[in-house]
Amino acid sequence: MTVLTTQRLVLREWTEDPADLARLFDIYSRPEVTRWLGAPGLPLTDPAQAADRLAMWRERHAGHGGRYGTWAIEVRDTGVVAGTVLLKPLPGRDESVPTEDIEVGWHLHPDSWGHGYATEAARAAAARELAAGTREVYAVVAPGNEASMAVARRLGMTHVGRRSDWYGGESLETLVLTAPVAGA
């Protein structure tokens, strides 16, 4: 199911199609991608884990009515899945209860780095959330991940320092995109 489209991209649900699962495994089994994520169970080590990861994402977003998700970034011209864009409530320090703060994030396959896909996908997801009335959308970035910091800056996000009130208290670089004030 298509969630959003941009000039070059289709943001859609990841599926159980073998090609999607193979690409998901290829992305999340790569140390150069997963080293920045700090998520349990990464990098993936067995292709069967891709279906488990997809099921986890579906469960996480089941109650959101399509507003939030972890979606495939598909390049329109080629049909290649470049990576993932996510839009979701940030987990609190305990990691089990979501906060009111909304995160936009991106994870791309190395063969899709440097094409502007992360910026384009994240811009569309963040813009949709701001248009829905959310005042701020955050990006949280592992210290040292200069590529993601650059994407966040291209989105127009402002670096507000490190925060440790999400993801179990891990100290992460935090950037924020604030909705324009009406009439300003």
C-alpha atoms as a PDB file:
ATOM      1  CA  MET A   1       0.000   0.000   0.000  1.00  0.00           C
ATOM      2  CA  THR A   2       1.314   3.430  -0.957  1.00  0.00           C
ATOM      3  CA  VAL A   3       1.597   5.871   1.944  1.00  0.00           C
ATOM      4  CA  LEU A   4       3.132   8.920   0.230  1.00  0.00           C
ATOM      5  CA  THR A   5       4.678   9.813  -3.094  1.00  0.00           C
ATOM      6  CA  THR A   6       7.281  12.363  -4.076  1.00  0.00           C
ATOM      7  CA  GLN A   7       8.719  13.340  -7.426  1.00  0.00           C
ATOM      8  CA  ARG A   8      11.125  10.379  -7.426  1.00  0.00           C
ATOM      9  CA  LEU A   9       9.890   8.075  -4.674  1.00  0.00           C
ATOM     10  CA  VAL A  10       7.014   5.939  -3.498  1.00  0.00           C
ATOM     11  CA  LEU A  11       6.834   5.486   0.274  1.00  0.00           C
ATOM     12  CA  ARG A  12       4.914   2.287   0.879  1.00  0.00           C
ATOM     13  CA  GLU A  13       4.350  -0.533   3.294  1.00  0.00           C
ATOM     14  CA  TRP A  14       7.024  -3.192   3.381  1.00  0.00           C
ATOM     15  CA  THR A  15       5.456  -6.474   2.211  1.00  0.00           C
ATOM     16  CA  GLU A  16       6.066 -10.176   2.708  1.00  0.00           C
ATOM     17  CA  ASP A  17       6.994 -10.468  -0.949  1.00  0.00           C
ATOM     18  CA  PRO A  18      10.290 -12.411  -1.212  1.00  0.00           C
ATOM     19  CA  ALA A  19      11.975  -9.463  -2.976  1.00  0.00           C
ATOM     20  CA  ASP A  20      10.996  -7.082  -0.152  1.00  0.00           C
ATOM     21  CA  LEU A  21      12.158  -9.512   2.531  1.00  0.00           C
ATOM     22  CA  ALA A  22      15.454 -10.072   0.716  1.00  0.00           C
ATOM     23  CA  ARG A  23      16.064  -6.336   0.455  1.00  0.00           C
ATOM     24  CA  LEU A  24      15.077  -5.773   4.080  1.00  0.00           C
ATOM     25  CA  PHE A  25      17.589  -8.451   5.107  1.00  0.00           C
ATOM     26  CA  ASP A  26      20.246  -6.955   2.838  1.00  0.00           C
ATOM     27  CA  ILE A  27      19.824  -3.520   4.432  1.00  0.00           C
ATOM     28  CA  TYR A  28      19.597  -4.575   8.072  1.00  0.00           C
ATOM     29  CA  SER A  29      22.359  -7.199   7.924  1.00  0.00           C
ATOM     30  CA  ARG A  30      24.953  -4.566   6.985  1.00  0.00           C
ATOM     31  CA  PRO A  31      27.177  -3.304   9.804  1.00  0.00           C
ATOM     32  CA  GLU A  32      27.662   0.025   7.990  1.00  0.00           C
ATOM     33  CA  VAL A  33      23.897   0.608   8.337  1.00  0.00           C
ATOM     34  CA  THR A  34      23.114  -1.003  11.698  1.00  0.00           C
ATOM     35  CA  ARG A  35      26.074   0.403  13.624  1.00  0.00           C
ATOM     36  CA  TRP A  36      24.155   3.665  13.983  1.00  0.00           C
ATOM     37  CA  LEU A  37      20.829   2.172  15.033  1.00  0.00           C
ATOM     38  CA  GLY A  38      21.478   0.653  18.446  1.00  0.00           C
ATOM     39  CA  ALA A  39      18.419  -1.562  18.031  1.00  0.00           C
ATOM     40  CA  PRO A  40      18.270  -5.022  19.607  1.00  0.00           C
ATOM     41  CA  GLY A  41      18.681  -7.875  17.153  1.00  0.00           C
ATOM     42  CA  LEU A  42      20.724  -5.919  14.614  1.00  0.00           C
ATOM     43  CA  PRO A  43      22.505  -6.618  12.425  1.00  0.00           C
ATOM     44  CA  LEU A  44      20.308  -9.413  11.119  1.00  0.00           C
ATOM     45  CA  THR A  45      22.240 -12.646  10.637  1.00  0.00           C
ATOM     46  CA  ASP A  46      19.678 -14.937   9.003  1.00  0.00           C
ATOM     47  CA  PRO A  47      17.341 -14.075   6.100  1.00  0.00           C
ATOM     48  CA  ALA A  48      14.390 -15.495   8.087  1.00  0.00           C
ATOM     49  CA  GLN A  49      14.838 -12.618  10.542  1.00  0.00           C
ATOM     50  CA  ALA A  50      13.568 -10.171   7.913  1.00  0.00           C
ATOM     51  CA  ALA A  51      10.022 -11.502   8.300  1.00  0.00           C
ATOM     52  CA  ASP A  52      10.340 -11.193  12.092  1.00  0.00           C
ATOM     53  CA  ARG A  53      11.509  -7.581  11.774  1.00  0.00           C
ATOM     54  CA  LEU A  54       8.578  -6.794   9.458  1.00  0.00           C
ATOM     55  CA  ALA A  55       6.142  -8.388  11.936  1.00  0.00           C
ATOM     56  CA  MET A  56       7.639  -6.310  14.759  1.00  0.00           C
ATOM     57  CA  TRP A  57       7.162  -3.106  12.753  1.00  0.00           C
ATOM     58  CA  ARG A  58       3.570  -4.018  11.918  1.00  0.00           C
ATOM     59  CA  GLU A  59       2.802  -4.732  15.559  1.00  0.00           C
ATOM     60  CA  ARG A  60       4.420  -1.450  16.662  1.00  0.00           C
ATOM     61  CA  HIS A  61       2.260   0.576  14.288  1.00  0.00           C
ATOM     62  CA  ALA A  62      -0.954  -1.475  14.390  1.00  0.00           C
ATOM     63  CA  GLY A  63      -2.835   1.026  16.536  1.00  0.00           C
ATOM     64  CA  HIS A  64      -1.815   4.115  14.575  1.00  0.00           C
ATOM     65  CA  GLY A  65      -4.341   3.881  11.743  1.00  0.00           C
ATOM     66  CA  GLY A  66      -1.678   4.429   9.076  1.00  0.00           C
ATOM     67  CA  ARG A  67      -0.492   7.739  10.520  1.00  0.00           C
ATOM     68  CA  TYR A  68       2.821   6.272  11.676  1.00  0.00           C
ATOM     69  CA  GLY A  69       4.904   3.504  10.228  1.00  0.00           C
ATOM     70  CA  THR A  70       8.169   2.052   9.070  1.00  0.00           C
ATOM     71  CA  TRP A  71       7.909   2.227   5.293  1.00  0.00           C
ATOM     72  CA  ALA A  72       9.888   1.146   2.249  1.00  0.00           C
ATOM     73  CA  ILE A  73      11.401   3.896   0.091  1.00  0.00           C
ATOM     74  CA  GLU A  74      10.954   2.746  -3.502  1.00  0.00           C
ATOM     75  CA  VAL A  75      12.583   4.590  -6.402  1.00  0.00           C
ATOM     76  CA  ARG A  76       9.859   5.220  -9.002  1.00  0.00           C
ATOM     77  CA  ASP A  77      12.054   4.893 -12.089  1.00  0.00           C
ATOM     78  CA  THR A  78      13.666   1.586 -11.138  1.00  0.00           C
ATOM     79  CA  GLY A  79      11.396  -0.054  -8.568  1.00  0.00           C
ATOM     80  CA  VAL A  80      14.444  -0.586  -6.343  1.00  0.00           C
ATOM     81  CA  VAL A  81      13.828  -0.232  -2.611  1.00  0.00           C
ATOM     82  CA  ALA A  82      16.435   2.295  -1.494  1.00  0.00           C
ATOM     83  CA  GLY A  83      15.738   1.847   2.199  1.00  0.00           C
ATOM     84  CA  THR A  84      13.347   2.703   4.996  1.00  0.00           C
ATOM     85  CA  VAL A  85      11.757   5.878   6.305  1.00  0.00           C
ATOM     86  CA  LEU A  86      10.018   5.866   9.650  1.00  0.00           C
ATOM     87  CA  LEU A  87       7.624   8.197  11.375  1.00  0.00           C
ATOM     88  CA  LYS A  88       6.619   7.244  14.894  1.00  0.00           C
ATOM     89  CA  PRO A  89       6.202   8.318  18.492  1.00  0.00           C
ATOM     90  CA  LEU A  90       9.563   8.232  20.215  1.00  0.00           C
ATOM     91  CA  PRO A  91       9.866   5.598  22.944  1.00  0.00           C
ATOM     92  CA  GLY A  92      10.526   6.927  26.444  1.00  0.00           C
ATOM     93  CA  ARG A  93      13.361   6.000  28.748  1.00  0.00           C
ATOM     94  CA  ASP A  94      11.686   2.693  29.563  1.00  0.00           C
ATOM     95  CA  GLU A  95      11.386   1.994  25.808  1.00  0.00           C
ATOM     96  CA  SER A  96       7.949   0.429  26.253  1.00  0.00           C
ATOM     97  CA  VAL A  97       5.735   3.510  26.528  1.00  0.00           C
ATOM     98  CA  PRO A  98       5.653   5.872  23.535  1.00  0.00           C
ATOM     99  CA  THR A  99       5.991   9.587  24.209  1.00  0.00           C
ATOM    100  CA  GLU A 100       4.081  12.449  22.587  1.00  0.00           C
ATOM    101  CA  ASP A 101       7.272  13.341  20.646  1.00  0.00           C
ATOM    102  CA  ILE A 102       7.347  12.255  17.004  1.00  0.00           C
ATOM    103  CA  GLU A 103      10.463  10.972  15.245  1.00  0.00           C
ATOM    104  CA  VAL A 104      11.333  10.872  11.582  1.00  0.00           C
ATOM    105  CA  GLY A 105      14.184   8.564  10.619  1.00  0.00           C
ATOM    106  CA  TRP A 106      15.795   6.881   7.642  1.00  0.00           C
ATOM    107  CA  HIS A 107      17.945   3.833   6.940  1.00  0.00           C
ATOM    108  CA  LEU A 108      19.236   3.384   3.400  1.00  0.00           C
ATOM    109  CA  HIS A 109      21.120   0.636   1.635  1.00  0.00           C
ATOM    110  CA  PRO A 110      24.673   1.768   0.794  1.00  0.00           C
ATOM    111  CA  ASP A 111      23.928   1.421  -2.938  1.00  0.00           C
ATOM    112  CA  SER A 112      21.355   4.197  -2.470  1.00  0.00           C
ATOM    113  CA  TRP A 113      23.491   6.626  -0.481  1.00  0.00           C
ATOM    114  CA  GLY A 114      24.282   9.989  -2.039  1.00  0.00           C
ATOM    115  CA  HIS A 115      21.164  10.348  -4.208  1.00  0.00           C
ATOM    116  CA  GLY A 116      19.086  12.505  -1.867  1.00  0.00           C
ATOM    117  CA  TYR A 117      16.530   9.752  -1.241  1.00  0.00           C
ATOM    118  CA  ALA A 118      16.735   9.986   2.562  1.00  0.00           C
ATOM    119  CA  THR A 119      16.146  13.744   2.471  1.00  0.00           C
ATOM    120  CA  GLU A 120      13.281  13.473  -0.009  1.00  0.00           C
ATOM    121  CA  ALA A 121      11.522  10.667   1.870  1.00  0.00           C
ATOM    122  CA  ALA A 122      11.995  12.203   5.322  1.00  0.00           C
ATOM    123  CA  ARG A 123      10.856  15.620   4.083  1.00  0.00           C
ATOM    124  CA  ALA A 124       7.604  14.122   2.785  1.00  0.00           C
ATOM    125  CA  ALA A 125       6.940  12.169   5.990  1.00  0.00           C
ATOM    126  CA  ALA A 126       7.739  15.115   8.274  1.00  0.00           C
ATOM    127  CA  ALA A 127       5.669  17.536   6.170  1.00  0.00           C
ATOM    128  CA  ARG A 128       2.669  15.229   6.350  1.00  0.00           C
ATOM    129  CA  GLU A 129       2.994  15.019  10.146  1.00  0.00           C
ATOM    130  CA  LEU A 130       3.349  18.781  10.570  1.00  0.00           C
ATOM    131  CA  ALA A 131       0.325  19.310   8.303  1.00  0.00           C
ATOM    132  CA  ALA A 132      -1.635  16.974  10.626  1.00  0.00           C
ATOM    133  CA  GLY A 133      -1.073  19.430  13.464  1.00  0.00           C
ATOM    134  CA  THR A 134       2.043  18.151  15.197  1.00  0.00           C
ATOM    135  CA  ARG A 135       4.148  21.144  16.275  1.00  0.00           C
ATOM    136  CA  GLU A 136       7.576  19.457  16.210  1.00  0.00           C
ATOM    137  CA  VAL A 137       9.160  16.456  14.538  1.00  0.00           C
ATOM    138  CA  TYR A 138      12.474  15.152  15.851  1.00  0.00           C
ATOM    139  CA  ALA A 139      15.413  13.289  14.405  1.00  0.00           C
ATOM    140  CA  VAL A 140      17.642  11.486  16.880  1.00  0.00           C
ATOM    141  CA  VAL A 141      21.090  10.630  15.615  1.00  0.00           C
ATOM    142  CA  ALA A 142      23.861   8.530  17.108  1.00  0.00           C
ATOM    143  CA  PRO A 143      26.912  10.668  17.901  1.00  0.00           C
ATOM    144  CA  GLY A 144      29.349  10.502  15.002  1.00  0.00           C
ATOM    145  CA  ASN A 145      26.750   9.759  12.311  1.00  0.00           C
ATOM    146  CA  GLU A 146      27.629  12.770  10.187  1.00  0.00           C
ATOM    147  CA  ALA A 147      25.670  11.547   7.161  1.00  0.00           C
ATOM    148  CA  SER A 148      22.390  11.525   9.114  1.00  0.00           C
ATOM    149  CA  MET A 149      23.225  14.858  10.714  1.00  0.00           C
ATOM    150  CA  ALA A 150      23.631  16.272   7.189  1.00  0.00           C
ATOM    151  CA  VAL A 151      20.257  14.855   6.108  1.00  0.00           C
ATOM    152  CA  ALA A 152      18.588  16.450   9.146  1.00  0.00           C
ATOM    153  CA  ARG A 153      20.193  19.813   8.345  1.00  0.00           C
ATOM    154  CA  ARG A 154      18.989  19.561   4.724  1.00  0.00           C
ATOM    155  CA  LEU A 155      15.497  19.026   6.114  1.00  0.00           C
ATOM    156  CA  GLY A 156      15.808  22.387   7.860  1.00  0.00           C
ATOM    157  CA  MET A 157      16.094  20.840  11.301  1.00  0.00           C
ATOM    158  CA  THR A 158      17.789  22.703  14.120  1.00  0.00           C
ATOM    159  CA  HIS A 159      20.334  20.913  16.292  1.00  0.00           C
ATOM    160  CA  VAL A 160      19.303  21.272  19.936  1.00  0.00           C
ATOM    161  CA  GLY A 161      22.132  19.232  21.487  1.00  0.00           C
ATOM    162  CA  ARG A 162      21.992  15.812  23.054  1.00  0.00           C
ATOM    163  CA  ARG A 163      18.927  14.465  24.808  1.00  0.00           C
ATOM    164  CA  SER A 164      18.604  11.308  26.829  1.00  0.00           C
ATOM    165  CA  ASP A 165      14.879  11.105  27.520  1.00  0.00           C
ATOM    166  CA  TRP A 166      14.165   8.590  24.737  1.00  0.00           C
ATOM    167  CA  TYR A 167      15.469   5.161  23.781  1.00  0.00           C
ATOM    168  CA  GLY A 168      16.296   4.000  27.258  1.00  0.00           C
ATOM    169  CA  GLY A 169      18.191   7.134  28.228  1.00  0.00           C
ATOM    170  CA  GLU A 170      20.834   6.868  25.506  1.00  0.00           C
ATOM    171  CA  SER A 171      22.443  10.258  24.842  1.00  0.00           C
ATOM    172  CA  LEU A 172      21.587  11.069  21.214  1.00  0.00           C
ATOM    173  CA  GLU A 173      22.103  14.104  19.036  1.00  0.00           C
ATOM    174  CA  THR A 174      18.685  15.703  18.696  1.00  0.00           C
ATOM    175  CA  LEU A 175      17.402  17.857  15.876  1.00  0.00           C
ATOM    176  CA  VAL A 176      13.960  19.381  15.578  1.00  0.00           C
ATOM    177  CA  LEU A 177      11.777  20.633  12.749  1.00  0.00           C
ATOM    178  CA  THR A 178       9.121  23.019  14.030  1.00  0.00           C
ATOM    179  CA  ALA A 179       5.876  23.807  12.218  1.00  0.00           C
ATOM    180  CA  PRO A 180       5.621  27.360  10.952  1.00  0.00           C
ATOM    181  CA  VAL A 181       3.502  29.624  13.134  1.00  0.00           C
ATOM    182  CA  ALA A 182       0.285  30.619  11.372  1.00  0.00           C
ATOM    183  CA  GLY A 183       0.257  34.299  10.384  1.00  0.00           C
ATOM    184  CA  ALA A 184       3.974  34.730  11.038  1.00  0.00           C
END
